[in-house]
Amino acid sequence: MKHLEPHKVLRFWAACQLGKGDYLKLKEQLFGQESVARLYEKVRIYEEKSKDQESK
C-alpha cells in the first residue's frame, strides 16, 4: 500500500474495514505528525510525477 496514491489507500482501507478497528490509531500510523499542508504537497508532487511519466 506504500506505492498507492493516498486517495486509493483510503478507498481500499474503507472497503476492507467497513467500520472495524480504530481509525485514529491507523491515521496516526499512516500519517504520524504530518500536517495537512505537507500531505497536500506530497500528493501534488506525486501527481506531477505521474503526469510526467504518462507523457513519456
PDB file of N, CA and C in Angstrom:
ATOM      1  N   MET A   1       0.813  -1.193   0.000  1.00  0.00           N
ATOM      2  CA  MET A   1       0.000   0.000   0.000  1.00  0.00           C
ATOM      3  C   MET A   1       0.861   1.263   0.000  1.00  0.00           C
ATOM      4  N   LYS A   2       2.140   1.116   0.244  1.00  0.00           N
ATOM      5  CA  LYS A   2       3.015   2.285   0.250  1.00  0.00           C
ATOM      6  C   LYS A   2       3.097   2.944  -1.117  1.00  0.00           C
ATOM      7  N   HIS A   3       2.849   2.186  -2.179  1.00  0.00           N
ATOM      8  CA  HIS A   3       3.032   2.713  -3.513  1.00  0.00           C
ATOM      9  C   HIS A   3       1.730   3.186  -4.155  1.00  0.00           C
ATOM     10  N   LEU A   4       0.630   3.070  -3.457  1.00  0.00           N
ATOM     11  CA  LEU A   4      -0.642   3.569  -3.973  1.00  0.00           C
ATOM     12  C   LEU A   4      -0.773   5.057  -3.705  1.00  0.00           C
ATOM     13  N   GLU A   5      -1.559   5.695  -4.543  1.00  0.00           N
ATOM     14  CA  GLU A   5      -1.867   7.101  -4.304  1.00  0.00           C
ATOM     15  C   GLU A   5      -2.661   7.201  -2.995  1.00  0.00           C
ATOM     16  N   PRO A   6      -2.488   8.294  -2.239  1.00  0.00           N
ATOM     17  CA  PRO A   6      -3.155   8.408  -0.940  1.00  0.00           C
ATOM     18  C   PRO A   6      -4.667   8.190  -0.989  1.00  0.00           C
ATOM     19  N   HIS A   7      -5.347   8.739  -1.983  1.00  0.00           N
ATOM     20  CA  HIS A   7      -6.800   8.565  -2.020  1.00  0.00           C
ATOM     21  C   HIS A   7      -7.182   7.119  -2.310  1.00  0.00           C
ATOM     22  N   LYS A   8      -6.338   6.390  -3.044  1.00  0.00           N
ATOM     23  CA  LYS A   8      -6.622   4.983  -3.309  1.00  0.00           C
ATOM     24  C   LYS A   8      -6.403   4.137  -2.059  1.00  0.00           C
ATOM     25  N   VAL A   9      -5.407   4.496  -1.252  1.00  0.00           N
ATOM     26  CA  VAL A   9      -5.189   3.796   0.015  1.00  0.00           C
ATOM     27  C   VAL A   9      -6.423   3.938   0.904  1.00  0.00           C
ATOM     28  N   LEU A  10      -6.934   5.156   0.985  1.00  0.00           N
ATOM     29  CA  LEU A  10      -8.105   5.384   1.828  1.00  0.00           C
ATOM     30  C   LEU A  10      -9.329   4.648   1.307  1.00  0.00           C
ATOM     31  N   ARG A  11      -9.518   4.627  -0.001  1.00  0.00           N
ATOM     32  CA  ARG A  11     -10.647   3.873  -0.571  1.00  0.00           C
ATOM     33  C   ARG A  11     -10.509   2.390  -0.281  1.00  0.00           C
ATOM     34  N   PHE A  12      -9.300   1.854  -0.475  1.00  0.00           N
ATOM     35  CA  PHE A  12      -9.051   0.448  -0.201  1.00  0.00           C
ATOM     36  C   PHE A  12      -9.308   0.132   1.260  1.00  0.00           C
ATOM     37  N   TRP A  13      -8.767   0.984   2.123  1.00  0.00           N
ATOM     38  CA  TRP A  13      -8.944   0.782   3.559  1.00  0.00           C
ATOM     39  C   TRP A  13     -10.423   0.815   3.930  1.00  0.00           C
ATOM     40  N   ALA A  14     -11.142   1.763   3.396  1.00  0.00           N
ATOM     41  CA  ALA A  14     -12.569   1.888   3.706  1.00  0.00           C
ATOM     42  C   ALA A  14     -13.333   0.656   3.237  1.00  0.00           C
ATOM     43  N   ALA A  15     -12.996   0.150   2.060  1.00  0.00           N
ATOM     44  CA  ALA A  15     -13.690  -1.028   1.533  1.00  0.00           C
ATOM     45  C   ALA A  15     -13.411  -2.272   2.372  1.00  0.00           C
ATOM     46  N   CYS A  16     -12.214  -2.390   2.881  1.00  0.00           N
ATOM     47  CA  CYS A  16     -11.841  -3.574   3.661  1.00  0.00           C
ATOM     48  C   CYS A  16     -12.307  -3.507   5.109  1.00  0.00           C
ATOM     49  N   GLN A  17     -12.325  -2.334   5.670  1.00  0.00           N
ATOM     50  CA  GLN A  17     -12.591  -2.208   7.103  1.00  0.00           C
ATOM     51  C   GLN A  17     -14.071  -2.065   7.428  1.00  0.00           C
ATOM     52  N   LEU A  18     -14.763  -1.244   6.714  1.00  0.00           N
ATOM     53  CA  LEU A  18     -16.193  -1.021   6.937  1.00  0.00           C
ATOM     54  C   LEU A  18     -16.542  -0.882   8.418  1.00  0.00           C
ATOM     55  N   GLY A  19     -15.862   0.037   9.077  1.00  0.00           N
ATOM     56  CA  GLY A  19     -16.181   0.330  10.468  1.00  0.00           C
ATOM     57  C   GLY A  19     -15.399  -0.456  11.500  1.00  0.00           C
ATOM     58  N   LYS A  20     -14.537  -1.337  11.068  1.00  0.00           N
ATOM     59  CA  LYS A  20     -13.741  -2.125  12.011  1.00  0.00           C
ATOM     60  C   LYS A  20     -12.496  -1.355  12.407  1.00  0.00           C
ATOM     61  N   GLY A  21     -11.995  -1.631  13.585  1.00  0.00           N
ATOM     62  CA  GLY A  21     -10.722  -1.062  14.007  1.00  0.00           C
ATOM     63  C   GLY A  21     -10.828   0.362  14.524  1.00  0.00           C
ATOM     64  N   ASP A  22      -9.672   0.929  14.751  1.00  0.00           N
ATOM     65  CA  ASP A  22      -9.564   2.269  15.325  1.00  0.00           C
ATOM     66  C   ASP A  22      -8.974   3.213  14.281  1.00  0.00           C
ATOM     67  N   TYR A  23      -9.828   4.025  13.669  1.00  0.00           N
ATOM     68  CA  TYR A  23      -9.397   4.942  12.620  1.00  0.00           C
ATOM     69  C   TYR A  23      -8.287   5.870  13.102  1.00  0.00           C
ATOM     70  N   LEU A  24      -8.420   6.394  14.298  1.00  0.00           N
ATOM     71  CA  LEU A  24      -7.421   7.346  14.787  1.00  0.00           C
ATOM     72  C   LEU A  24      -6.050   6.691  14.942  1.00  0.00           C
ATOM     73  N   LYS A  25      -6.039   5.447  15.383  1.00  0.00           N
ATOM     74  CA  LYS A  25      -4.767   4.726  15.513  1.00  0.00           C
ATOM     75  C   LYS A  25      -4.152   4.493  14.134  1.00  0.00           C
ATOM     76  N   LEU A  26      -4.968   4.067  13.177  1.00  0.00           N
ATOM     77  CA  LEU A  26      -4.474   3.843  11.823  1.00  0.00           C
ATOM     78  C   LEU A  26      -3.985   5.150  11.208  1.00  0.00           C
ATOM     79  N   LYS A  27      -4.738   6.217  11.398  1.00  0.00           N
ATOM     80  CA  LYS A  27      -4.339   7.523  10.867  1.00  0.00           C
ATOM     81  C   LYS A  27      -2.983   7.931  11.425  1.00  0.00           C
ATOM     82  N   GLU A  28      -2.775   7.700  12.690  1.00  0.00           N
ATOM     83  CA  GLU A  28      -1.500   8.034  13.325  1.00  0.00           C
ATOM     84  C   GLU A  28      -0.368   7.187  12.737  1.00  0.00           C
ATOM     85  N   GLN A  29      -0.633   5.903  12.507  1.00  0.00           N
ATOM     86  CA  GLN A  29       0.379   5.027  11.930  1.00  0.00           C
ATOM     87  C   GLN A  29       0.734   5.447  10.506  1.00  0.00           C
ATOM     88  N   LEU A  30      -0.262   5.815   9.725  1.00  0.00           N
ATOM     89  CA  LEU A  30      -0.035   6.162   8.323  1.00  0.00           C
ATOM     90  C   LEU A  30       0.582   7.540   8.151  1.00  0.00           C
ATOM     91  N   PHE A  31       0.100   8.507   8.917  1.00  0.00           N
ATOM     92  CA  PHE A  31       0.462   9.887   8.659  1.00  0.00           C
ATOM     93  C   PHE A  31       1.242  10.561   9.782  1.00  0.00           C
ATOM     94  N   GLY A  32       1.347   9.932  10.938  1.00  0.00           N
ATOM     95  CA  GLY A  32       2.130  10.475  12.042  1.00  0.00           C
ATOM     96  C   GLY A  32       1.811  11.928  12.339  1.00  0.00           C
ATOM     97  N   GLN A  33       2.827  12.718  12.419  1.00  0.00           N
ATOM     98  CA  GLN A  33       2.662  14.134  12.747  1.00  0.00           C
ATOM     99  C   GLN A  33       2.636  15.023  11.492  1.00  0.00           C
ATOM    100  N   GLU A  34       2.358  14.423  10.334  1.00  0.00           N
ATOM    101  CA  GLU A  34       2.295  15.192   9.089  1.00  0.00           C
ATOM    102  C   GLU A  34       1.182  16.236   9.175  1.00  0.00           C
ATOM    103  N   SER A  35       1.464  17.403   8.673  1.00  0.00           N
ATOM    104  CA  SER A  35       0.432  18.432   8.607  1.00  0.00           C
ATOM    105  C   SER A  35      -0.382  18.238   7.333  1.00  0.00           C
ATOM    106  N   VAL A  36      -1.556  18.809   7.303  1.00  0.00           N
ATOM    107  CA  VAL A  36      -2.390  18.755   6.106  1.00  0.00           C
ATOM    108  C   VAL A  36      -1.643  19.401   4.939  1.00  0.00           C
ATOM    109  N   ALA A  37      -0.981  20.499   5.203  1.00  0.00           N
ATOM    110  CA  ALA A  37      -0.238  21.194   4.152  1.00  0.00           C
ATOM    111  C   ALA A  37       0.857  20.297   3.572  1.00  0.00           C
ATOM    112  N   ARG A  38       1.573  19.584   4.419  1.00  0.00           N
ATOM    113  CA  ARG A  38       2.646  18.703   3.945  1.00  0.00           C
ATOM    114  C   ARG A  38       2.079  17.511   3.185  1.00  0.00           C
ATOM    115  N   LEU A  39       0.972  16.935   3.664  1.00  0.00           N
ATOM    116  CA  LEU A  39       0.339  15.837   2.942  1.00  0.00           C
ATOM    117  C   LEU A  39      -0.140  16.305   1.569  1.00  0.00           C
ATOM    118  N   TYR A  40      -0.714  17.496   1.518  1.00  0.00           N
ATOM    119  CA  TYR A  40      -1.160  18.066   0.250  1.00  0.00           C
ATOM    120  C   TYR A  40       0.018  18.220  -0.708  1.00  0.00           C
ATOM    121  N   GLU A  41       1.138  18.707  -0.202  1.00  0.00           N
ATOM    122  CA  GLU A  41       2.329  18.892  -1.026  1.00  0.00           C
ATOM    123  C   GLU A  41       2.825  17.551  -1.564  1.00  0.00           C
ATOM    124  N   LYS A  42       2.807  16.525  -0.735  1.00  0.00           N
ATOM    125  CA  LYS A  42       3.238  15.198  -1.179  1.00  0.00           C
ATOM    126  C   LYS A  42       2.323  14.663  -2.281  1.00  0.00           C
ATOM    127  N   VAL A  43       1.029  14.865  -2.130  1.00  0.00           N
ATOM    128  CA  VAL A  43       0.078  14.428  -3.149  1.00  0.00           C
ATOM    129  C   VAL A  43       0.320  15.190  -4.447  1.00  0.00           C
ATOM    130  N   ARG A  44       0.521  16.487  -4.344  1.00  0.00           N
ATOM    131  CA  ARG A  44       0.754  17.317  -5.531  1.00  0.00           C
ATOM    132  C   ARG A  44       2.019  16.856  -6.266  1.00  0.00           C
ATOM    133  N   ILE A  45       3.090  16.604  -5.533  1.00  0.00           N
ATOM    134  CA  ILE A  45       4.339  16.134  -6.134  1.00  0.00           C
ATOM    135  C   ILE A  45       4.130  14.774  -6.807  1.00  0.00           C
ATOM    136  N   TYR A  46       3.423  13.886  -6.121  1.00  0.00           N
ATOM    137  CA  TYR A  46       3.152  12.559  -6.681  1.00  0.00           C
ATOM    138  C   TYR A  46       2.364  12.662  -7.981  1.00  0.00           C
ATOM    139  N   GLU A  47       1.346  13.517  -7.988  1.00  0.00           N
ATOM    140  CA  GLU A  47       0.530  13.681  -9.185  1.00  0.00           C
ATOM    141  C   GLU A  47       1.340  14.269 -10.335  1.00  0.00           C
ATOM    142  N   GLU A  48       2.213  15.205 -10.044  1.00  0.00           N
ATOM    143  CA  GLU A  48       3.056  15.790 -11.084  1.00  0.00           C
ATOM    144  C   GLU A  48       3.985  14.734 -11.678  1.00  0.00           C
ATOM    145  N   LYS A  49       4.574  13.906 -10.837  1.00  0.00           N
ATOM    146  CA  LYS A  49       5.453  12.838 -11.321  1.00  0.00           C
ATOM    147  C   LYS A  49       4.669  11.850 -12.176  1.00  0.00           C
ATOM    148  N   SER A  50       3.455  11.520 -11.752  1.00  0.00           N
ATOM    149  CA  SER A  50       2.623  10.600 -12.516  1.00  0.00           C
ATOM    150  C   SER A  50       2.292  11.164 -13.889  1.00  0.00           C
ATOM    151  N   LYS A  51       1.967  12.452 -13.932  1.00  0.00           N
ATOM    152  CA  LYS A  51       1.663  13.089 -15.219  1.00  0.00           C
ATOM    153  C   LYS A  51       2.886  13.103 -16.114  1.00  0.00           C
ATOM    154  N   ASP A  52       4.062  13.373 -15.543  1.00  0.00           N
ATOM    155  CA  ASP A  52       5.309  13.387 -16.303  1.00  0.00           C
ATOM    156  C   ASP A  52       5.602  12.003 -16.891  1.00  0.00           C
ATOM    157  N   GLN A  53       5.360  10.955 -16.116  1.00  0.00           N
ATOM    158  CA  GLN A  53       5.620   9.593 -16.586  1.00  0.00           C
ATOM    159  C   GLN A  53       4.629   9.201 -17.675  1.00  0.00           C
ATOM    160  N   GLU A  54       3.394   9.647 -17.565  1.00  0.00           N
ATOM    161  CA  GLU A  54       2.388   9.341 -18.586  1.00  0.00           C
ATOM    162  C   GLU A  54       2.704  10.038 -19.906  1.00  0.00           C
ATOM    163  N   SER A  55       3.347  11.192 -19.834  1.00  0.00           N
ATOM    164  CA  SER A  55       3.685  11.959 -21.023  1.00  0.00           C
ATOM    165  C   SER A  55       4.815  11.317 -21.824  1.00  0.00           C
ATOM    166  N   LYS A  56       5.609  10.496 -21.174  1.00  0.00           N
ATOM    167  CA  LYS A  56       6.779   9.885 -21.845  1.00  0.00           C
ATOM    168  C   LYS A  56       6.402   8.683 -22.662  1.00  0.00           C
TER     169      LYS A  56
END
